[in-house]
């Protein structure tokens, strides 16, 4: 038992010395290699920009349609659950709430992205 404690002590000492030696060789400051670089999609040409913007708009529209469908399904589930099982009503309420949150987030996506771009550029 005493040998185990001595072994742990020596392992801790070795780890401490390794950290001290490793820390001594680290540079004090590292320059940011991406400092001043701003993303720019125009480098690939106007056709590429038009394509990715149409694709993003199409996916955004599809996501809005799906969120509205889930919200409608949740609302209909709530309407049908009024006379039925309380567990089904709870699930429908949860589905409607999540769909409403998703729909709100999708509708606010453009201002949210604008704020992030303004803050981080």
Protein backbone atom coordinates (compact mmCIF):
# COMPACT_ATOMS: atom_id res chain seq x y z
CA UNK A 1 0.00 0.00 0.00
CA UNK A 2 2.83 2.37 0.85
CA UNK A 3 4.53 1.55 -2.46
CA UNK A 4 1.33 2.50 -4.31
CA UNK A 5 1.28 5.91 -2.61
CA UNK A 6 4.95 6.48 -3.50
CA UNK A 7 4.26 5.49 -7.09
CA UNK A 8 1.35 7.96 -7.29
CA UNK A 9 3.54 10.67 -5.82
CA UNK A 10 6.27 10.10 -8.38
CA UNK A 11 3.73 10.04 -11.25
CA UNK A 12 2.28 13.34 -10.05
CA UNK A 13 5.76 14.86 -9.87
CA UNK A 14 6.56 13.71 -13.41
CA UNK A 15 3.27 15.16 -14.71
CA UNK A 16 3.99 18.47 -12.94
CA UNK A 17 7.49 18.72 -14.41
CA UNK A 18 6.16 17.84 -17.88
CA UNK A 19 3.55 20.62 -17.69
CA UNK A 20 6.13 23.16 -16.51
CA UNK A 21 8.53 22.26 -19.32
CA UNK A 22 5.73 22.26 -21.93
CA UNK A 23 4.37 25.61 -20.77
CA UNK A 24 7.82 27.19 -20.95
CA UNK A 25 8.05 26.45 -24.68
CA UNK A 26 4.69 27.97 -25.67
CA UNK A 27 4.69 31.36 -27.40
CA UNK A 28 3.07 34.15 -25.43
CA UNK A 29 0.69 35.30 -28.20
CA UNK A 30 -0.49 33.76 -31.45
CA UNK A 31 -1.52 36.02 -34.34
CA UNK A 32 -4.98 35.39 -35.80
CA UNK A 33 -4.43 34.14 -39.38
CA UNK A 34 -8.01 35.11 -40.36
CA UNK A 35 -7.83 38.68 -39.02
CA UNK A 36 -9.40 41.07 -41.51
CA UNK A 37 -10.73 38.37 -43.86
CA UNK A 38 -14.41 38.82 -44.78
CA UNK A 39 -16.40 36.09 -46.55
CA UNK A 40 -17.19 37.06 -50.14
CA UNK A 41 -19.19 34.80 -52.46
CA UNK A 42 -18.77 37.04 -55.48
CA UNK A 43 -15.35 35.49 -56.11
CA UNK A 44 -17.12 32.52 -57.73
CA UNK A 45 -19.07 34.74 -60.11
CA UNK A 46 -22.59 36.09 -60.45
CA UNK A 47 -24.02 32.73 -61.56
CA UNK A 48 -22.83 31.00 -58.39
CA UNK A 49 -24.22 33.81 -56.22
CA UNK A 50 -27.60 33.64 -57.96
CA UNK A 51 -27.73 29.83 -57.59
CA UNK A 52 -26.88 29.68 -53.89
CA UNK A 53 -29.30 32.52 -53.10
CA UNK A 54 -32.13 30.74 -54.95
CA UNK A 55 -31.27 27.47 -53.22
CA UNK A 56 -31.21 29.12 -49.78
CA UNK A 57 -34.54 30.87 -50.47
CA UNK A 58 -36.09 27.61 -51.66
CA UNK A 59 -34.93 25.70 -48.57
CA UNK A 60 -36.15 28.51 -46.33
CA UNK A 61 -39.57 28.47 -48.02
CA UNK A 62 -39.76 24.69 -47.72
CA UNK A 63 -38.92 24.91 -44.02
CA UNK A 64 -41.68 27.51 -43.55
CA UNK A 65 -44.22 25.24 -45.26
CA UNK A 66 -43.20 22.29 -43.08
CA UNK A 67 -43.42 24.39 -39.89
CA UNK A 68 -46.90 25.64 -40.85
CA UNK A 69 -48.00 22.05 -41.56
CA UNK A 70 -46.78 20.86 -38.16
CA UNK A 71 -48.46 23.84 -36.47
CA UNK A 72 -51.74 23.02 -38.21
CA UNK A 73 -51.41 19.37 -37.25
CA UNK A 74 -50.81 20.35 -33.63
CA UNK A 75 -53.78 22.72 -33.58
CA UNK A 76 -56.04 20.08 -35.11
CA UNK A 77 -54.74 17.58 -32.55
CA UNK A 78 -55.65 19.99 -29.76
CA UNK A 79 -59.14 20.44 -31.22
CA UNK A 80 -59.66 16.67 -31.47
CA UNK A 81 -58.05 16.04 -28.08
CA UNK A 82 -60.55 18.12 -26.14
CA UNK A 83 -62.91 15.13 -25.91
CA UNK A 84 -60.31 12.37 -25.92
CA UNK A 85 -57.38 11.11 -23.93
CA UNK A 86 -55.48 13.74 -21.88
CA UNK A 87 -52.12 12.27 -23.01
CA UNK A 88 -52.95 12.92 -26.64
CA UNK A 89 -53.95 16.48 -25.79
CA UNK A 90 -50.63 17.04 -24.04
CA UNK A 91 -48.68 15.69 -27.02
CA UNK A 92 -50.65 17.86 -29.44
CA UNK A 93 -50.04 20.96 -27.32
CA UNK A 94 -46.32 20.21 -27.21
CA UNK A 95 -46.22 19.68 -31.00
CA UNK A 96 -48.09 22.94 -31.61
CA UNK A 97 -45.78 24.86 -29.26
CA UNK A 98 -42.62 23.49 -30.88
CA UNK A 99 -43.99 24.20 -34.36
CA UNK A 100 -44.91 27.77 -33.34
CA UNK A 101 -41.39 28.34 -31.97
CA UNK A 102 -39.86 26.91 -35.16
CA UNK A 103 -42.12 29.06 -37.33
CA UNK A 104 -41.23 32.17 -35.33
CA UNK A 105 -37.53 31.40 -35.66
CA UNK A 106 -37.85 30.85 -39.40
CA UNK A 107 -39.77 34.10 -39.85
CA UNK A 108 -37.15 35.99 -37.82
CA UNK A 109 -34.21 34.31 -39.59
CA UNK A 110 -33.34 37.24 -41.85
CA UNK A 111 -33.11 39.84 -39.03
CA UNK A 112 -31.18 37.36 -36.84
CA UNK A 113 -28.62 36.71 -39.58
CA UNK A 114 -28.36 40.45 -40.27
CA UNK A 115 -27.63 41.16 -36.60
CA UNK A 116 -24.92 38.47 -36.47
CA UNK A 117 -23.28 39.74 -39.66
CA UNK A 118 -23.36 43.32 -38.35
CA UNK A 119 -21.90 42.35 -34.98
CA UNK A 120 -19.16 40.03 -36.24
CA UNK A 121 -17.97 41.93 -39.33
